[in-house]
Amino acid sequence: MKPSGEDQAAPAAGPWEECFQAAVQLALRAGQIIRKALTEEKRVSTKTSAADLVTETDHLVEDLIISELRERFPSHRFIAEEAAASGAKCVLTHNPTWIIDPIDGTCNFVHSWNSE
């Protein structure tokens, strides 16, 4: 009888495991950028109304996520909040599609509000 855990094969990674790992790594990198930006003066502009804000950090994080994912998964597509607000077409295909909101809660980010 084998002791528990010995010689057991790790469960096979599903087809999305590589995507999941890439998303986690990018979320951690984006979090570092956002955390640093919380302590800095922010460049803010509006999109559709005075309450619909966007910052340079939104653009920076969105660009990072898309460029890294595009390099890693060239066949994947992206629908990104800031790019769509700037007029980029949102086209759905049969290819995997990432939906990207770089900073969920930009108004709170701008005012450095948090739940702590």
PDB file of N, CA and C in Angstrom:
ATOM      1  N   MET A   1       0.838  -1.175   0.000  1.00  0.00           N
ATOM      2  CA  MET A   1       0.000   0.000   0.000  1.00  0.00           C
ATOM      3  C   MET A   1       0.882   1.236   0.000  1.00  0.00           C
ATOM      4  N   LYS A   2       0.566   2.192  -0.861  1.00  0.00           N
ATOM      5  CA  LYS A   2       1.346   3.416  -0.977  1.00  0.00           C
ATOM      6  C   LYS A   2       0.822   4.448   0.011  1.00  0.00           C
ATOM      7  N   PRO A   3       1.742   5.199   0.625  1.00  0.00           N
ATOM      8  CA  PRO A   3       1.289   6.289   1.481  1.00  0.00           C
ATOM      9  C   PRO A   3       0.517   7.313   0.655  1.00  0.00           C
ATOM     10  N   SER A   4      -0.392   7.986   1.296  1.00  0.00           N
ATOM     11  CA  SER A   4      -1.234   8.979   0.626  1.00  0.00           C
ATOM     12  C   SER A   4      -0.383  10.034  -0.073  1.00  0.00           C
ATOM     13  N   GLY A   5      -0.703  10.318  -1.338  1.00  0.00           N
ATOM     14  CA  GLY A   5      -0.037  11.379  -2.079  1.00  0.00           C
ATOM     15  C   GLY A   5       1.193  10.942  -2.843  1.00  0.00           C
ATOM     16  N   GLU A   6       1.746   9.787  -2.534  1.00  0.00           N
ATOM     17  CA  GLU A   6       2.958   9.341  -3.231  1.00  0.00           C
ATOM     18  C   GLU A   6       2.605   8.724  -4.573  1.00  0.00           C
ATOM     19  N   ASP A   7       3.419   8.997  -5.546  1.00  0.00           N
ATOM     20  CA  ASP A   7       3.308   8.404  -6.876  1.00  0.00           C
ATOM     21  C   ASP A   7       1.954   8.635  -7.533  1.00  0.00           C
ATOM     22  N   GLN A   8       1.243   9.634  -7.098  1.00  0.00           N
ATOM     23  CA  GLN A   8      -0.008   9.950  -7.764  1.00  0.00           C
ATOM     24  C   GLN A   8       0.268  11.004  -8.822  1.00  0.00           C
ATOM     25  N   ALA A   9      -0.231  10.751 -10.007  1.00  0.00           N
ATOM     26  CA  ALA A   9      -0.039  11.716 -11.090  1.00  0.00           C
ATOM     27  C   ALA A   9      -0.874  12.961 -10.804  1.00  0.00           C
ATOM     28  N   ALA A  10      -0.301  14.089 -11.129  1.00  0.00           N
ATOM     29  CA  ALA A  10      -1.046  15.335 -10.995  1.00  0.00           C
ATOM     30  C   ALA A  10      -2.182  15.317 -12.002  1.00  0.00           C
ATOM     31  N   PRO A  11      -3.316  15.911 -11.650  1.00  0.00           N
ATOM     32  CA  PRO A  11      -4.414  15.935 -12.619  1.00  0.00           C
ATOM     33  C   PRO A  11      -3.983  16.653 -13.899  1.00  0.00           C
ATOM     34  N   ALA A  12      -4.432  16.128 -15.010  1.00  0.00           N
ATOM     35  CA  ALA A  12      -4.088  16.736 -16.297  1.00  0.00           C
ATOM     36  C   ALA A  12      -4.668  18.143 -16.362  1.00  0.00           C
ATOM     37  N   ALA A  13      -3.865  19.049 -16.850  1.00  0.00           N
ATOM     38  CA  ALA A  13      -4.327  20.434 -16.990  1.00  0.00           C
ATOM     39  C   ALA A  13      -5.366  20.485 -18.103  1.00  0.00           C
ATOM     40  N   GLY A  14      -6.409  21.229 -17.852  1.00  0.00           N
ATOM     41  CA  GLY A  14      -7.445  21.389 -18.865  1.00  0.00           C
ATOM     42  C   GLY A  14      -6.951  22.270 -19.992  1.00  0.00           C
ATOM     43  N   PRO A  15      -7.740  22.404 -21.029  1.00  0.00           N
ATOM     44  CA  PRO A  15      -7.313  23.185 -22.195  1.00  0.00           C
ATOM     45  C   PRO A  15      -7.147  24.673 -21.892  1.00  0.00           C
ATOM     46  N   TRP A  16      -7.712  25.138 -20.790  1.00  0.00           N
ATOM     47  CA  TRP A  16      -7.641  26.554 -20.463  1.00  0.00           C
ATOM     48  C   TRP A  16      -6.614  26.860 -19.381  1.00  0.00           C
ATOM     49  N   GLU A  17      -5.899  25.861 -18.928  1.00  0.00           N
ATOM     50  CA  GLU A  17      -4.938  26.065 -17.832  1.00  0.00           C
ATOM     51  C   GLU A  17      -3.881  27.111 -18.189  1.00  0.00           C
ATOM     52  N   GLU A  18      -3.344  27.068 -19.410  1.00  0.00           N
ATOM     53  CA  GLU A  18      -2.333  28.041 -19.822  1.00  0.00           C
ATOM     54  C   GLU A  18      -2.913  29.458 -19.823  1.00  0.00           C
ATOM     55  N   CYS A  19      -4.162  29.590 -20.262  1.00  0.00           N
ATOM     56  CA  CYS A  19      -4.823  30.901 -20.250  1.00  0.00           C
ATOM     57  C   CYS A  19      -5.013  31.373 -18.811  1.00  0.00           C
ATOM     58  N   PHE A  20      -5.445  30.475 -17.947  1.00  0.00           N
ATOM     59  CA  PHE A  20      -5.655  30.826 -16.548  1.00  0.00           C
ATOM     60  C   PHE A  20      -4.350  31.307 -15.911  1.00  0.00           C
ATOM     61  N   GLN A  21      -3.280  30.585 -16.144  1.00  0.00           N
ATOM     62  CA  GLN A  21      -1.987  30.967 -15.568  1.00  0.00           C
ATOM     63  C   GLN A  21      -1.516  32.315 -16.107  1.00  0.00           C
ATOM     64  N   ALA A  22      -1.711  32.547 -17.387  1.00  0.00           N
ATOM     65  CA  ALA A  22      -1.332  33.836 -17.978  1.00  0.00           C
ATOM     66  C   ALA A  22      -2.161  34.957 -17.360  1.00  0.00           C
ATOM     67  N   ALA A  23      -3.459  34.724 -17.159  1.00  0.00           N
ATOM     68  CA  ALA A  23      -4.333  35.738 -16.569  1.00  0.00           C
ATOM     69  C   ALA A  23      -3.907  36.061 -15.142  1.00  0.00           C
ATOM     70  N   VAL A  24      -3.565  35.055 -14.381  1.00  0.00           N
ATOM     71  CA  VAL A  24      -3.123  35.284 -13.000  1.00  0.00           C
ATOM     72  C   VAL A  24      -1.832  36.098 -12.986  1.00  0.00           C
ATOM     73  N   GLN A  25      -0.868  35.715 -13.801  1.00  0.00           N
ATOM     74  CA  GLN A  25       0.404  36.445 -13.857  1.00  0.00           C
ATOM     75  C   GLN A  25       0.185  37.906 -14.254  1.00  0.00           C
ATOM     76  N   LEU A  26      -0.665  38.133 -15.243  1.00  0.00           N
ATOM     77  CA  LEU A  26      -0.924  39.503 -15.689  1.00  0.00           C
ATOM     78  C   LEU A  26      -1.712  40.300 -14.652  1.00  0.00           C
ATOM     79  N   ALA A  27      -2.625  39.653 -13.965  1.00  0.00           N
ATOM     80  CA  ALA A  27      -3.381  40.350 -12.916  1.00  0.00           C
ATOM     81  C   ALA A  27      -2.443  40.805 -11.803  1.00  0.00           C
ATOM     82  N   LEU A  28      -1.474  39.986 -11.465  1.00  0.00           N
ATOM     83  CA  LEU A  28      -0.502  40.375 -10.431  1.00  0.00           C
ATOM     84  C   LEU A  28       0.352  41.547 -10.903  1.00  0.00           C
ATOM     85  N   ARG A  29       0.804  41.506 -12.150  1.00  0.00           N
ATOM     86  CA  ARG A  29       1.592  42.620 -12.693  1.00  0.00           C
ATOM     87  C   ARG A  29       0.763  43.887 -12.766  1.00  0.00           C
ATOM     88  N   ALA A  30      -0.475  43.759 -13.242  1.00  0.00           N
ATOM     89  CA  ALA A  30      -1.362  44.922 -13.331  1.00  0.00           C
ATOM     90  C   ALA A  30      -1.629  45.487 -11.941  1.00  0.00           C
ATOM     91  N   GLY A  31      -1.809  44.618 -10.971  1.00  0.00           N
ATOM     92  CA  GLY A  31      -2.043  45.058  -9.599  1.00  0.00           C
ATOM     93  C   GLY A  31      -0.890  45.884  -9.057  1.00  0.00           C
ATOM     94  N   GLN A  32       0.328  45.509  -9.397  1.00  0.00           N
ATOM     95  CA  GLN A  32       1.497  46.285  -8.962  1.00  0.00           C
ATOM     96  C   GLN A  32       1.468  47.684  -9.577  1.00  0.00           C
ATOM     97  N   ILE A  33       1.130  47.763 -10.844  1.00  0.00           N
ATOM     98  CA  ILE A  33       1.060  49.059 -11.532  1.00  0.00           C
ATOM     99  C   ILE A  33      -0.027  49.928 -10.898  1.00  0.00           C
ATOM    100  N   ILE A  34      -1.174  49.334 -10.659  1.00  0.00           N
ATOM    101  CA  ILE A  34      -2.300  50.072 -10.084  1.00  0.00           C
ATOM    102  C   ILE A  34      -1.994  50.510  -8.660  1.00  0.00           C
ATOM    103  N   ARG A  35      -1.421  49.622  -7.871  1.00  0.00           N
ATOM    104  CA  ARG A  35      -1.083  49.973  -6.483  1.00  0.00           C
ATOM    105  C   ARG A  35      -0.116  51.154  -6.442  1.00  0.00           C
ATOM    106  N   LYS A  36       0.888  51.140  -7.310  1.00  0.00           N
ATOM    107  CA  LYS A  36       1.836  52.258  -7.374  1.00  0.00           C
ATOM    108  C   LYS A  36       1.124  53.539  -7.789  1.00  0.00           C
ATOM    109  N   ALA A  37       0.235  53.433  -8.770  1.00  0.00           N
ATOM    110  CA  ALA A  37      -0.473  54.607  -9.283  1.00  0.00           C
ATOM    111  C   ALA A  37      -1.429  55.207  -8.245  1.00  0.00           C
ATOM    112  N   LEU A  38      -1.875  54.415  -7.292  1.00  0.00           N
ATOM    113  CA  LEU A  38      -2.766  54.939  -6.246  1.00  0.00           C
ATOM    114  C   LEU A  38      -2.116  56.072  -5.470  1.00  0.00           C
ATOM    115  N   THR A  39      -0.793  56.044  -5.367  1.00  0.00           N
ATOM    116  CA  THR A  39      -0.085  57.047  -4.565  1.00  0.00           C
ATOM    117  C   THR A  39       0.379  58.237  -5.392  1.00  0.00           C
ATOM    118  N   GLU A  40       0.108  58.212  -6.689  1.00  0.00           N
ATOM    119  CA  GLU A  40       0.593  59.252  -7.582  1.00  0.00           C
ATOM    120  C   GLU A  40      -0.567  60.111  -8.085  1.00  0.00           C
ATOM    121  N   GLU A  41      -0.225  61.280  -8.593  1.00  0.00           N
ATOM    122  CA  GLU A  41      -1.236  62.124  -9.235  1.00  0.00           C
ATOM    123  C   GLU A  41      -1.702  61.423 -10.506  1.00  0.00           C
ATOM    124  N   LYS A  42      -2.995  61.492 -10.757  1.00  0.00           N
ATOM    125  CA  LYS A  42      -3.560  60.781 -11.896  1.00  0.00           C
ATOM    126  C   LYS A  42      -3.975  61.740 -13.006  1.00  0.00           C
ATOM    127  N   ARG A  43      -3.739  61.341 -14.222  1.00  0.00           N
ATOM    128  CA  ARG A  43      -4.248  62.062 -15.385  1.00  0.00           C
ATOM    129  C   ARG A  43      -5.591  61.436 -15.726  1.00  0.00           C
ATOM    130  N   VAL A  44      -6.636  62.238 -15.612  1.00  0.00           N
ATOM    131  CA  VAL A  44      -7.993  61.735 -15.779  1.00  0.00           C
ATOM    132  C   VAL A  44      -8.672  62.453 -16.930  1.00  0.00           C
ATOM    133  N   SER A  45      -9.405  61.701 -17.729  1.00  0.00           N
ATOM    134  CA  SER A  45     -10.256  62.297 -18.751  1.00  0.00           C
ATOM    135  C   SER A  45     -11.603  61.583 -18.706  1.00  0.00           C
ATOM    136  N   THR A  46     -12.554  62.113 -19.440  1.00  0.00           N
ATOM    137  CA  THR A  46     -13.882  61.517 -19.460  1.00  0.00           C
ATOM    138  C   THR A  46     -14.124  60.842 -20.804  1.00  0.00           C
ATOM    139  N   LYS A  47     -15.059  59.896 -20.782  1.00  0.00           N
ATOM    140  CA  LYS A  47     -15.451  59.214 -22.014  1.00  0.00           C
ATOM    141  C   LYS A  47     -16.811  59.738 -22.451  1.00  0.00           C
ATOM    142  N   THR A  48     -17.870  59.123 -21.988  1.00  0.00           N
ATOM    143  CA  THR A  48     -19.208  59.506 -22.461  1.00  0.00           C
ATOM    144  C   THR A  48     -19.896  60.532 -21.578  1.00  0.00           C
ATOM    145  N   SER A  49     -19.428  60.683 -20.335  1.00  0.00           N
ATOM    146  CA  SER A  49     -20.033  61.655 -19.413  1.00  0.00           C
ATOM    147  C   SER A  49     -19.020  62.004 -18.330  1.00  0.00           C
ATOM    148  N   ALA A  50     -19.367  62.976 -17.511  1.00  0.00           N
ATOM    149  CA  ALA A  50     -18.459  63.395 -16.433  1.00  0.00           C
ATOM    150  C   ALA A  50     -18.230  62.284 -15.417  1.00  0.00           C
ATOM    151  N   ALA A  51     -19.130  61.342 -15.346  1.00  0.00           N
ATOM    152  CA  ALA A  51     -18.985  60.234 -14.398  1.00  0.00           C
ATOM    153  C   ALA A  51     -18.271  59.030 -15.013  1.00  0.00           C
ATOM    154  N   ASP A  52     -18.053  59.038 -16.306  1.00  0.00           N
ATOM    155  CA  ASP A  52     -17.409  57.926 -17.018  1.00  0.00           C
ATOM    156  C   ASP A  52     -15.941  58.279 -17.225  1.00  0.00           C
ATOM    157  N   LEU A  53     -15.130  57.913 -16.245  1.00  0.00           N
ATOM    158  CA  LEU A  53     -13.735  58.341 -16.215  1.00  0.00           C
ATOM    159  C   LEU A  53     -12.788  57.301 -16.794  1.00  0.00           C
ATOM    160  N   VAL A  54     -11.655  57.800 -17.269  1.00  0.00           N
ATOM    161  CA  VAL A  54     -10.571  56.940 -17.725  1.00  0.00           C
ATOM    162  C   VAL A  54      -9.263  57.619 -17.323  1.00  0.00           C
ATOM    163  N   THR A  55      -8.285  56.815 -16.933  1.00  0.00           N
ATOM    164  CA  THR A  55      -6.984  57.355 -16.537  1.00  0.00           C
ATOM    165  C   THR A  55      -5.895  56.775 -17.432  1.00  0.00           C
ATOM    166  N   GLU A  56      -4.725  57.403 -17.363  1.00  0.00           N
ATOM    167  CA  GLU A  56      -3.612  56.853 -18.135  1.00  0.00           C
ATOM    168  C   GLU A  56      -3.255  55.463 -17.621  1.00  0.00           C
ATOM    169  N   THR A  57      -3.537  55.192 -16.351  1.00  0.00           N
ATOM    170  CA  THR A  57      -3.271  53.859 -15.796  1.00  0.00           C
ATOM    171  C   THR A  57      -4.197  52.832 -16.429  1.00  0.00           C
ATOM    172  N   ASP A  58      -5.463  53.210 -16.680  1.00  0.00           N
ATOM    173  CA  ASP A  58      -6.377  52.310 -17.406  1.00  0.00           C
ATOM    174  C   ASP A  58      -5.750  51.898 -18.731  1.00  0.00           C
ATOM    175  N   HIS A  59      -5.277  52.887 -19.481  1.00  0.00           N
ATOM    176  CA  HIS A  59      -4.682  52.615 -20.789  1.00  0.00           C
ATOM    177  C   HIS A  59      -3.412  51.771 -20.661  1.00  0.00           C
ATOM    178  N   LEU A  60      -2.573  52.105 -19.710  1.00  0.00           N
ATOM    179  CA  LEU A  60      -1.318  51.375 -19.511  1.00  0.00           C
ATOM    180  C   LEU A  60      -1.580  49.906 -19.195  1.00  0.00           C
ATOM    181  N   VAL A  61      -2.493  49.657 -18.259  1.00  0.00           N
ATOM    182  CA  VAL A  61      -2.799  48.281 -17.860  1.00  0.00           C
ATOM    183  C   VAL A  61      -3.462  47.523 -19.009  1.00  0.00           C
ATOM    184  N   GLU A  62      -4.402  48.161 -19.690  1.00  0.00           N
ATOM    185  CA  GLU A  62      -5.058  47.505 -20.821  1.00  0.00           C
ATOM    186  C   GLU A  62      -4.042  47.148 -21.902  1.00  0.00           C
ATOM    187  N   ASP A  63      -3.146  48.059 -22.231  1.00  0.00           N
ATOM    188  CA  ASP A  63      -2.116  47.796 -23.242  1.00  0.00           C
ATOM    189  C   ASP A  63      -1.200  46.651 -22.822  1.00  0.00           C
ATOM    190  N   LEU A  64      -0.820  46.625 -21.549  1.00  0.00           N
ATOM    191  CA  LEU A  64       0.020  45.534 -21.037  1.00  0.00           C
ATOM    192  C   LEU A  64      -0.678  44.194 -21.209  1.00  0.00           C
ATOM    193  N   ILE A  65      -1.919  44.121 -20.767  1.00  0.00           N
ATOM    194  CA  ILE A  65      -2.661  42.859 -20.823  1.00  0.00           C
ATOM    195  C   ILE A  65      -2.799  42.378 -22.260  1.00  0.00           C
ATOM    196  N   ILE A  66      -3.219  43.265 -23.146  1.00  0.00           N
ATOM    197  CA  ILE A  66      -3.434  42.860 -24.538  1.00  0.00           C
ATOM    198  C   ILE A  66      -2.125  42.468 -25.207  1.00  0.00           C
ATOM    199  N   SER A  67      -1.079  43.252 -25.019  1.00  0.00           N
ATOM    200  CA  SER A  67       0.183  42.933 -25.702  1.00  0.00           C
ATOM    201  C   SER A  67       0.756  41.600 -25.222  1.00  0.00           C
ATOM    202  N   GLU A  68       0.698  41.349 -23.938  1.00  0.00           N
ATOM    203  CA  GLU A  68       1.230  40.083 -23.408  1.00  0.00           C
ATOM    204  C   GLU A  68       0.386  38.895 -23.871  1.00  0.00           C
ATOM    205  N   LEU A  69      -0.937  39.034 -23.810  1.00  0.00           N
ATOM    206  CA  LEU A  69      -1.796  37.928 -24.239  1.00  0.00           C
ATOM    207  C   LEU A  69      -1.693  37.697 -25.736  1.00  0.00           C
ATOM    208  N   ARG A  70      -1.610  38.764 -26.514  1.00  0.00           N
ATOM    209  CA  ARG A  70      -1.508  38.625 -27.969  1.00  0.00           C
ATOM    210  C   ARG A  70      -0.206  37.904 -28.348  1.00  0.00           C
ATOM    211  N   GLU A  71       0.856  38.218 -27.632  1.00  0.00           N
ATOM    212  CA  GLU A  71       2.135  37.548 -27.911  1.00  0.00           C
ATOM    213  C   GLU A  71       2.053  36.058 -27.576  1.00  0.00           C
ATOM    214  N   ARG A  72       1.389  35.751 -26.491  1.00  0.00           N
ATOM    215  CA  ARG A  72       1.298  34.369 -26.022  1.00  0.00           C
ATOM    216  C   ARG A  72       0.244  33.555 -26.768  1.00  0.00           C
ATOM    217  N   PHE A  73      -0.853  34.232 -27.161  1.00  0.00           N
ATOM    218  CA  PHE A  73      -1.978  33.552 -27.814  1.00  0.00           C
ATOM    219  C   PHE A  73      -2.381  34.337 -29.069  1.00  0.00           C
ATOM    220  N   PRO A  74      -1.602  34.233 -30.141  1.00  0.00           N
ATOM    221  CA  PRO A  74      -1.840  35.077 -31.323  1.00  0.00           C
ATOM    222  C   PRO A  74      -3.213  34.903 -31.973  1.00  0.00           C
ATOM    223  N   SER A  75      -3.860  33.770 -31.796  1.00  0.00           N
ATOM    224  CA  SER A  75      -5.166  33.562 -32.427  1.00  0.00           C
ATOM    225  C   SER A  75      -6.321  34.105 -31.590  1.00  0.00           C
ATOM    226  N   HIS A  76      -6.056  34.516 -30.359  1.00  0.00           N
ATOM    227  CA  HIS A  76      -7.121  35.014 -29.496  1.00  0.00           C
ATOM    228  C   HIS A  76      -7.523  36.438 -29.885  1.00  0.00           C
ATOM    229  N   ARG A  77      -8.743  36.785 -29.541  1.00  0.00           N
ATOM    230  CA  ARG A  77      -9.292  38.112 -29.805  1.00  0.00           C
ATOM    231  C   ARG A  77      -9.511  38.838 -28.483  1.00  0.00           C
ATOM    232  N   PHE A  78      -9.729  40.152 -28.574  1.00  0.00           N
ATOM    233  CA  PHE A  78      -9.862  40.969 -27.370  1.00  0.00           C
ATOM    234  C   PHE A  78     -10.980  41.984 -27.547  1.00  0.00           C
ATOM    235  N   ILE A  79     -11.765  42.145 -26.505  1.00  0.00           N
ATOM    236  CA  ILE A  79     -12.723  43.242 -26.404  1.00  0.00           C
ATOM    237  C   ILE A  79     -12.313  43.972 -25.136  1.00  0.00           C
ATOM    238  N   ALA A  80     -11.787  45.177 -25.320  1.00  0.00           N
ATOM    239  CA  ALA A  80     -11.224  45.920 -24.192  1.00  0.00           C
ATOM    240  C   ALA A  80     -11.979  47.224 -24.004  1.00  0.00           C
ATOM    241  N   GLU A  81     -12.276  47.530 -22.751  1.00  0.00           N
ATOM    242  CA  GLU A  81     -13.118  48.687 -22.429  1.00  0.00           C
ATOM    243  C   GLU A  81     -12.604  49.985 -23.034  1.00  0.00           C
ATOM    244  N   GLU A  82     -11.351  50.302 -22.808  1.00  0.00           N
ATOM    245  CA  GLU A  82     -10.841  51.599 -23.266  1.00  0.00           C
ATOM    246  C   GLU A  82     -10.680  51.632 -24.783  1.00  0.00           C
ATOM    247  N   ALA A  83     -10.268  50.531 -25.374  1.00  0.00           N
ATOM    248  CA  ALA A  83     -10.159  50.485 -26.837  1.00  0.00           C
ATOM    249  C   ALA A  83     -11.540  50.613 -27.478  1.00  0.00           C
ATOM    250  N   ALA A  84     -12.528  49.942 -26.904  1.00  0.00           N
ATOM    251  CA  ALA A  84     -13.890  50.032 -27.435  1.00  0.00           C
ATOM    252  C   ALA A  84     -14.428  51.456 -27.291  1.00  0.00           C
ATOM    253  N   ALA A  85     -14.125  52.098 -26.171  1.00  0.00           N
ATOM    254  CA  ALA A  85     -14.577  53.478 -25.965  1.00  0.00           C
ATOM    255  C   ALA A  85     -13.923  54.425 -26.967  1.00  0.00           C
ATOM    256  N   SER A  86     -12.752  54.042 -27.470  1.00  0.00           N
ATOM    257  CA  SER A  86     -12.047  54.864 -28.456  1.00  0.00           C
ATOM    258  C   SER A  86     -12.436  54.514 -29.885  1.00  0.00           C
ATOM    259  N   GLY A  87     -13.390  53.590 -30.028  1.00  0.00           N
ATOM    260  CA  GLY A  87     -13.890  53.272 -31.355  1.00  0.00           C
ATOM    261  C   GLY A  87     -13.438  51.950 -31.939  1.00  0.00           C
ATOM    262  N   ALA A  88     -12.653  51.173 -31.208  1.00  0.00           N
ATOM    263  CA  ALA A  88     -12.227  49.868 -31.738  1.00  0.00           C
ATOM    264  C   ALA A  88     -13.456  48.977 -31.917  1.00  0.00           C
ATOM    265  N   LYS A  89     -13.480  48.237 -33.008  1.00  0.00           N
ATOM    266  CA  LYS A  89     -14.605  47.359 -33.293  1.00  0.00           C
ATOM    267  C   LYS A  89     -14.543  46.133 -32.385  1.00  0.00           C
ATOM    268  N   CYS A  90     -15.691  45.722 -31.898  1.00  0.00           N
ATOM    269  CA  CYS A  90     -15.820  44.502 -31.103  1.00  0.00           C
ATOM    270  C   CYS A  90     -16.385  43.417 -32.008  1.00  0.00           C
ATOM    271  N   VAL A  91     -15.532  42.505 -32.423  1.00  0.00           N
ATOM    272  CA  VAL A  91     -15.944  41.457 -33.350  1.00  0.00           C
ATOM    273  C   VAL A  91     -15.815  40.113 -32.651  1.00  0.00           C
ATOM    274  N   LEU A  92     -16.926  39.399 -32.587  1.00  0.00           N
ATOM    275  CA  LEU A  92     -16.893  38.059 -32.013  1.00  0.00           C
ATOM    276  C   LEU A  92     -16.656  37.045 -33.119  1.00  0.00           C
ATOM    277  N   THR A  93     -15.745  36.122 -32.854  1.00  0.00           N
ATOM    278  CA  THR A  93     -15.441  35.050 -33.798  1.00  0.00           C
ATOM    279  C   THR A  93     -15.489  33.735 -33.018  1.00  0.00           C
ATOM    280  N   HIS A  94     -15.077  32.670 -33.669  1.00  0.00           N
ATOM    281  CA  HIS A  94     -14.998  31.383 -32.981  1.00  0.00           C
ATOM    282  C   HIS A  94     -13.718  31.256 -32.162  1.00  0.00           C
ATOM    283  N   ASN A  95     -12.816  32.213 -32.314  1.00  0.00           N
ATOM    284  CA  ASN A  95     -11.577  32.192 -31.537  1.00  0.00           C
ATOM    285  C   ASN A  95     -11.864  32.603 -30.098  1.00  0.00           C
ATOM    286  N   PRO A  96     -11.057  32.133 -29.159  1.00  0.00           N
ATOM    287  CA  PRO A  96     -11.221  32.583 -27.768  1.00  0.00           C
ATOM    288  C   PRO A  96     -11.127  34.108 -27.710  1.00  0.00           C
ATOM    289  N   THR A  97     -11.993  34.719 -26.913  1.00  0.00           N
ATOM    290  CA  THR A  97     -12.054  36.174 -26.803  1.00  0.00           C
ATOM    291  C   THR A  97     -11.952  36.586 -25.350  1.00  0.00           C
ATOM    292  N   TRP A  98     -11.012  37.462 -25.063  1.00  0.00           N
ATOM    293  CA  TRP A  98     -10.804  37.998 -23.723  1.00  0.00           C
ATOM    294  C   TRP A  98     -11.580  39.309 -23.603  1.00  0.00           C
ATOM    295  N   ILE A  99     -12.329  39.467 -22.527  1.00  0.00           N
ATOM    296  CA  ILE A  99     -13.039  40.705 -22.236  1.00  0.00           C
ATOM    297  C   ILE A  99     -12.226  41.409 -21.147  1.00  0.00           C
ATOM    298  N   ILE A 100     -11.753  42.626 -21.434  1.00  0.00           N
ATOM    299  CA  ILE A 100     -10.795  43.281 -20.547  1.00  0.00           C
ATOM    300  C   ILE A 100     -11.336  44.610 -20.040  1.00  0.00           C
ATOM    301  N   ASP A 101     -11.401  44.716 -18.727  1.00  0.00           N
ATOM    302  CA  ASP A 101     -11.723  45.973 -18.033  1.00  0.00           C
ATOM    303  C   ASP A 101     -10.519  46.233 -17.137  1.00  0.00           C
ATOM    304  N   PRO A 102      -9.607  47.098 -17.551  1.00  0.00           N
ATOM    305  CA  PRO A 102      -8.327  47.221 -16.861  1.00  0.00           C
ATOM    306  C   PRO A 102      -8.420  47.630 -15.390  1.00  0.00           C
ATOM    307  N   ILE A 103      -9.285  48.568 -15.076  1.00  0.00           N
ATOM    308  CA  ILE A 103      -9.498  48.961 -13.677  1.00  0.00           C
ATOM    309  C   ILE A 103     -10.996  48.993 -13.455  1.00  0.00           C
ATOM    310  N   ASP A 104     -11.499  47.996 -12.762  1.00  0.00           N
ATOM    311  CA  ASP A 104     -12.920  47.953 -12.457  1.00  0.00           C
ATOM    312  C   ASP A 104     -13.158  48.867 -11.263  1.00  0.00           C
ATOM    313  N   GLY A 105     -13.797  49.996 -11.513  1.00  0.00           N
ATOM    314  CA  GLY A 105     -14.007  50.979 -10.452  1.00  0.00           C
ATOM    315  C   GLY A 105     -13.074  52.165 -10.604  1.00  0.00           C
ATOM    316  N   THR A 106     -12.984  52.699 -11.814  1.00  0.00           N
ATOM    317  CA  THR A 106     -12.064  53.805 -12.079  1.00  0.00           C
ATOM    318  C   THR A 106     -12.384  55.026 -11.211  1.00  0.00           C
ATOM    319  N   CYS A 107     -13.652  55.294 -10.967  1.00  0.00           N
ATOM    320  CA  CYS A 107     -14.014  56.455 -10.134  1.00  0.00           C
ATOM    321  C   CYS A 107     -13.402  56.311  -8.742  1.00  0.00           C
ATOM    322  N   ASN A 108     -13.522  55.136  -8.141  1.00  0.00           N
ATOM    323  CA  ASN A 108     -12.909  54.901  -6.834  1.00  0.00           C
ATOM    324  C   ASN A 108     -11.393  55.012  -6.915  1.00  0.00           C
ATOM    325  N   PHE A 109     -10.822  54.494  -7.992  1.00  0.00           N
ATOM    326  CA  PHE A 109      -9.374  54.580  -8.195  1.00  0.00           C
ATOM    327  C   PHE A 109      -8.925  56.036  -8.272  1.00  0.00           C
ATOM    328  N   VAL A 110      -9.648  56.846  -9.024  1.00  0.00           N
ATOM    329  CA  VAL A 110      -9.306  58.255  -9.188  1.00  0.00           C
ATOM    330  C   VAL A 110      -9.304  58.969  -7.834  1.00  0.00           C
ATOM    331  N   HIS A 111     -10.268  58.644  -7.016  1.00  0.00           N
ATOM    332  CA  HIS A 111     -10.391  59.307  -5.709  1.00  0.00           C
ATOM    333  C   HIS A 111      -9.662  58.536  -4.610  1.00  0.00           C
ATOM    334  N   SER A 112      -8.949  57.479  -4.991  1.00  0.00           N
ATOM    335  CA  SER A 112      -8.192  56.628  -4.066  1.00  0.00           C
ATOM    336  C   SER A 112      -9.056  56.089  -2.936  1.00  0.00           C
ATOM    337  N   TRP A 113     -10.307  55.812  -3.262  1.00  0.00           N
ATOM    338  CA  TRP A 113     -11.192  55.192  -2.284  1.00  0.00           C
ATOM    339  C   TRP A 113     -10.941  53.705  -2.298  1.00  0.00           C
ATOM    340  N   ASN A 114     -11.001  53.121  -1.146  1.00  0.00           N
ATOM    341  CA  ASN A 114     -10.895  51.662  -1.062  1.00  0.00           C
ATOM    342  C   ASN A 114     -11.700  51.165   0.111  1.00  0.00           C
ATOM    343  N   SER A 115     -11.747  49.884   0.286  1.00  0.00           N
ATOM    344  CA  SER A 115     -12.577  49.301   1.339  1.00  0.00           C
ATOM    345  C   SER A 115     -11.795  49.033   2.612  1.00  0.00           C
ATOM    346  N   GLU A 116     -10.558  49.492   2.684  1.00  0.00           N
ATOM    347  CA  GLU A 116      -9.751  49.232   3.884  1.00  0.00           C
ATOM    348  C   GLU A 116     -10.126  50.181   5.008  1.00  0.00           C
TER     349      GLU A 116
END
